[in-house]
Amino acid sequence: MDFNVPSAQEKFAVIAEVMGESTEGLPVREAAYLAVDAVESLIEDCGVFTTLRELQVPEEDFPLRASQPALEPPHGALHLHRT
C-alpha cells in the first residue's frame, strides 16, 4: 500500500477517515499514510496471511504461482487467514 499512496493521497486519506483514524487538521499526505497503518492493523487483527511462507507455499511452486492469474487458485482454494 505504501507504494500507492503518492499517486492517490486524497483517496487514502478518505480510507483512513472511514477506518476511524483521526485525520482532522493533518496534511493530506500524513492522513493518507494513516490508512496504510489502519489496514496493516486490520490485517494483523484478522490474522490474514501476508506471505507465501505463512501460506506454506513451497519455493519450488513459485514459478507456477507467478504464471497464474492472482485470483485463480491453482489447486483449490487457499486458506488466507489463521485458524
N, C-alpha and C. Protein backbone atom coordinates (compact mmCIF):
# COMPACT_ATOMS: atom_id res chain seq x y z
N MET A 1 0.81 -1.20 0.00
CA MET A 1 0.00 0.00 0.00
C MET A 1 0.85 1.26 0.00
N ASP A 2 1.95 1.23 0.74
CA ASP A 2 2.83 2.41 0.81
C ASP A 2 3.16 2.93 -0.58
N PHE A 3 3.44 1.99 -1.47
CA PHE A 3 3.86 2.33 -2.82
C PHE A 3 2.81 3.17 -3.55
N ASN A 4 1.55 2.94 -3.27
CA ASN A 4 0.46 3.61 -3.99
C ASN A 4 0.04 4.96 -3.41
N VAL A 5 0.44 5.24 -2.19
CA VAL A 5 0.00 6.47 -1.53
C VAL A 5 0.31 7.73 -2.33
N PRO A 6 1.54 7.91 -2.83
CA PRO A 6 1.83 9.18 -3.53
C PRO A 6 0.92 9.47 -4.72
N SER A 7 0.42 8.44 -5.37
CA SER A 7 -0.42 8.68 -6.55
C SER A 7 -1.90 8.84 -6.23
N ALA A 8 -2.29 8.61 -4.98
CA ALA A 8 -3.72 8.70 -4.63
C ALA A 8 -3.88 9.15 -3.18
N GLN A 9 -3.18 10.20 -2.81
CA GLN A 9 -3.18 10.64 -1.41
C GLN A 9 -4.58 10.97 -0.89
N GLU A 10 -5.37 11.66 -1.69
CA GLU A 10 -6.70 12.05 -1.23
C GLU A 10 -7.57 10.83 -0.96
N LYS A 11 -7.48 9.83 -1.83
CA LYS A 11 -8.27 8.61 -1.66
C LYS A 11 -7.83 7.86 -0.40
N PHE A 12 -6.53 7.79 -0.18
CA PHE A 12 -6.05 7.11 1.01
C PHE A 12 -6.44 7.86 2.27
N ALA A 13 -6.45 9.18 2.21
CA ALA A 13 -6.88 9.97 3.36
C ALA A 13 -8.34 9.67 3.71
N VAL A 14 -9.17 9.50 2.69
CA VAL A 14 -10.57 9.14 2.91
C VAL A 14 -10.66 7.76 3.54
N ILE A 15 -9.86 6.82 3.06
CA ILE A 15 -9.85 5.47 3.64
C ILE A 15 -9.50 5.55 5.12
N ALA A 16 -8.49 6.34 5.45
CA ALA A 16 -8.10 6.49 6.85
C ALA A 16 -9.26 7.00 7.69
N GLU A 17 -9.93 8.01 7.19
CA GLU A 17 -11.06 8.59 7.92
C GLU A 17 -12.18 7.56 8.10
N VAL A 18 -12.51 6.84 7.03
CA VAL A 18 -13.57 5.84 7.09
C VAL A 18 -13.21 4.72 8.07
N MET A 19 -11.92 4.44 8.19
CA MET A 19 -11.48 3.38 9.11
C MET A 19 -11.33 3.88 10.54
N GLY A 20 -11.74 5.12 10.77
CA GLY A 20 -11.78 5.64 12.13
C GLY A 20 -10.55 6.37 12.60
N GLU A 21 -9.63 6.64 11.69
CA GLU A 21 -8.43 7.39 12.06
C GLU A 21 -8.76 8.87 12.17
N SER A 22 -8.12 9.54 13.09
CA SER A 22 -8.33 10.98 13.26
C SER A 22 -7.43 11.72 12.27
N THR A 23 -8.05 12.28 11.25
CA THR A 23 -7.29 12.96 10.19
C THR A 23 -7.48 14.46 10.20
N GLU A 24 -8.33 14.95 11.07
CA GLU A 24 -8.64 16.39 11.10
C GLU A 24 -7.37 17.21 11.36
N GLY A 25 -7.15 18.19 10.49
CA GLY A 25 -6.03 19.10 10.65
C GLY A 25 -4.70 18.56 10.15
N LEU A 26 -4.68 17.32 9.69
CA LEU A 26 -3.44 16.73 9.19
C LEU A 26 -3.24 17.07 7.72
N PRO A 27 -2.00 17.18 7.28
CA PRO A 27 -1.75 17.29 5.84
C PRO A 27 -2.26 16.02 5.15
N VAL A 28 -2.70 16.15 3.92
CA VAL A 28 -3.28 15.02 3.18
C VAL A 28 -2.31 13.83 3.15
N ARG A 29 -1.04 14.11 2.93
CA ARG A 29 -0.06 13.02 2.85
C ARG A 29 0.02 12.24 4.16
N GLU A 30 0.05 12.94 5.26
CA GLU A 30 0.11 12.29 6.57
C GLU A 30 -1.16 11.48 6.84
N ALA A 31 -2.30 12.05 6.50
CA ALA A 31 -3.57 11.35 6.67
C ALA A 31 -3.61 10.10 5.80
N ALA A 32 -3.06 10.19 4.60
CA ALA A 32 -3.04 9.05 3.68
C ALA A 32 -2.26 7.88 4.28
N TYR A 33 -1.13 8.18 4.89
CA TYR A 33 -0.33 7.10 5.48
C TYR A 33 -0.99 6.48 6.71
N LEU A 34 -1.91 7.20 7.33
CA LEU A 34 -2.69 6.60 8.41
C LEU A 34 -3.55 5.45 7.89
N ALA A 35 -3.98 5.54 6.63
CA ALA A 35 -4.75 4.45 6.02
C ALA A 35 -3.91 3.19 5.93
N VAL A 36 -2.65 3.36 5.56
CA VAL A 36 -1.75 2.21 5.46
C VAL A 36 -1.64 1.54 6.84
N ASP A 37 -1.41 2.35 7.86
CA ASP A 37 -1.30 1.81 9.22
C ASP A 37 -2.59 1.11 9.64
N ALA A 38 -3.73 1.71 9.33
CA ALA A 38 -5.02 1.14 9.72
C ALA A 38 -5.26 -0.20 9.04
N VAL A 39 -4.95 -0.29 7.76
CA VAL A 39 -5.15 -1.54 7.02
C VAL A 39 -4.19 -2.61 7.54
N GLU A 40 -2.94 -2.23 7.81
CA GLU A 40 -1.99 -3.19 8.36
C GLU A 40 -2.47 -3.72 9.71
N SER A 41 -3.03 -2.85 10.53
CA SER A 41 -3.57 -3.28 11.82
C SER A 41 -4.76 -4.21 11.64
N LEU A 42 -5.61 -3.89 10.68
CA LEU A 42 -6.77 -4.75 10.40
C LEU A 42 -6.32 -6.13 9.94
N ILE A 43 -5.34 -6.18 9.06
CA ILE A 43 -4.81 -7.46 8.58
C ILE A 43 -4.28 -8.28 9.75
N GLU A 44 -3.52 -7.64 10.62
CA GLU A 44 -2.97 -8.33 11.78
C GLU A 44 -4.08 -8.79 12.72
N ASP A 45 -5.04 -7.92 13.00
CA ASP A 45 -6.14 -8.27 13.90
C ASP A 45 -6.97 -9.44 13.38
N CYS A 46 -7.13 -9.50 12.07
CA CYS A 46 -7.92 -10.57 11.45
C CYS A 46 -7.12 -11.85 11.25
N GLY A 47 -5.81 -11.76 11.40
CA GLY A 47 -4.97 -12.94 11.22
C GLY A 47 -4.82 -13.38 9.78
N VAL A 48 -4.89 -12.44 8.86
CA VAL A 48 -4.76 -12.76 7.44
C VAL A 48 -3.29 -13.01 7.12
N PHE A 49 -3.02 -14.08 6.40
CA PHE A 49 -1.67 -14.37 5.96
C PHE A 49 -1.22 -13.32 4.95
N THR A 50 0.02 -12.93 5.02
CA THR A 50 0.53 -11.92 4.09
C THR A 50 1.76 -12.38 3.33
N THR A 51 2.24 -13.58 3.59
CA THR A 51 3.42 -14.08 2.88
C THR A 51 3.17 -15.49 2.37
N LEU A 52 3.92 -15.86 1.35
CA LEU A 52 3.82 -17.22 0.83
C LEU A 52 4.28 -18.23 1.87
N ARG A 53 5.25 -17.85 2.69
CA ARG A 53 5.72 -18.74 3.76
C ARG A 53 4.58 -19.06 4.72
N GLU A 54 3.80 -18.04 5.10
CA GLU A 54 2.67 -18.27 6.01
C GLU A 54 1.63 -19.18 5.37
N LEU A 55 1.51 -19.11 4.05
CA LEU A 55 0.58 -19.98 3.33
C LEU A 55 1.16 -21.35 3.06
N GLN A 56 2.40 -21.56 3.49
CA GLN A 56 3.11 -22.82 3.32
C GLN A 56 3.23 -23.22 1.85
N VAL A 57 3.51 -22.22 1.00
CA VAL A 57 3.74 -22.47 -0.42
C VAL A 57 5.22 -22.82 -0.59
N PRO A 58 5.51 -24.02 -1.09
CA PRO A 58 6.91 -24.40 -1.29
C PRO A 58 7.59 -23.52 -2.34
N GLU A 59 8.85 -23.23 -2.12
CA GLU A 59 9.59 -22.36 -3.04
C GLU A 59 9.57 -22.89 -4.47
N GLU A 60 9.56 -24.20 -4.62
CA GLU A 60 9.54 -24.76 -5.98
C GLU A 60 8.23 -24.48 -6.72
N ASP A 61 7.20 -24.05 -6.00
CA ASP A 61 5.92 -23.69 -6.63
C ASP A 61 5.87 -22.23 -7.08
N PHE A 62 6.87 -21.43 -6.71
CA PHE A 62 6.84 -20.01 -7.05
C PHE A 62 6.65 -19.75 -8.54
N PRO A 63 7.41 -20.42 -9.44
CA PRO A 63 7.20 -20.15 -10.87
C PRO A 63 5.77 -20.46 -11.33
N LEU A 64 5.20 -21.54 -10.83
CA LEU A 64 3.83 -21.89 -11.19
C LEU A 64 2.86 -20.81 -10.70
N ARG A 65 3.03 -20.39 -9.45
CA ARG A 65 2.14 -19.37 -8.90
C ARG A 65 2.29 -18.04 -9.65
N ALA A 66 3.51 -17.70 -10.02
CA ALA A 66 3.76 -16.43 -10.71
C ALA A 66 3.14 -16.42 -12.10
N SER A 67 2.97 -17.58 -12.70
CA SER A 67 2.44 -17.63 -14.07
C SER A 67 0.92 -17.67 -14.12
N GLN A 68 0.27 -17.75 -12.98
CA GLN A 68 -1.19 -17.84 -12.93
C GLN A 68 -1.81 -16.51 -12.52
N PRO A 69 -3.03 -16.25 -12.96
CA PRO A 69 -3.72 -15.05 -12.52
C PRO A 69 -3.84 -15.04 -10.99
N ALA A 70 -3.75 -13.87 -10.39
CA ALA A 70 -3.72 -13.74 -8.94
C ALA A 70 -4.96 -14.29 -8.25
N LEU A 71 -6.10 -14.20 -8.86
CA LEU A 71 -7.33 -14.63 -8.21
C LEU A 71 -7.73 -16.06 -8.54
N GLU A 72 -6.87 -16.78 -9.24
CA GLU A 72 -7.18 -18.15 -9.63
C GLU A 72 -6.31 -19.12 -8.84
N PRO A 73 -6.85 -19.73 -7.77
CA PRO A 73 -6.04 -20.68 -7.02
C PRO A 73 -5.70 -21.89 -7.89
N PRO A 74 -4.46 -22.37 -7.87
CA PRO A 74 -4.06 -23.45 -8.76
C PRO A 74 -4.67 -24.80 -8.44
N HIS A 75 -4.83 -25.12 -7.17
CA HIS A 75 -5.32 -26.45 -6.79
C HIS A 75 -6.31 -26.32 -5.65
N GLY A 76 -7.40 -25.64 -5.89
CA GLY A 76 -8.39 -25.44 -4.84
C GLY A 76 -8.13 -24.13 -4.10
N ALA A 77 -9.01 -23.79 -3.24
CA ALA A 77 -8.95 -22.52 -2.53
C ALA A 77 -7.82 -22.52 -1.49
N LEU A 78 -7.20 -21.37 -1.35
CA LEU A 78 -6.19 -21.18 -0.31
C LEU A 78 -6.89 -20.65 0.94
N HIS A 79 -6.40 -21.05 2.08
CA HIS A 79 -6.93 -20.51 3.34
C HIS A 79 -6.10 -19.28 3.68
N LEU A 80 -6.72 -18.10 3.61
CA LEU A 80 -6.00 -16.86 3.74
C LEU A 80 -5.99 -16.28 5.14
N HIS A 81 -6.54 -16.98 6.11
CA HIS A 81 -6.48 -16.46 7.47
C HIS A 81 -6.11 -17.59 8.43
N ARG A 82 -5.57 -17.19 9.54
CA ARG A 82 -5.16 -18.15 10.56
C ARG A 82 -6.40 -18.74 11.23
N THR A 83 -6.30 -19.97 11.61
CA THR A 83 -7.43 -20.61 12.30
C THR A 83 -7.13 -20.79 13.75
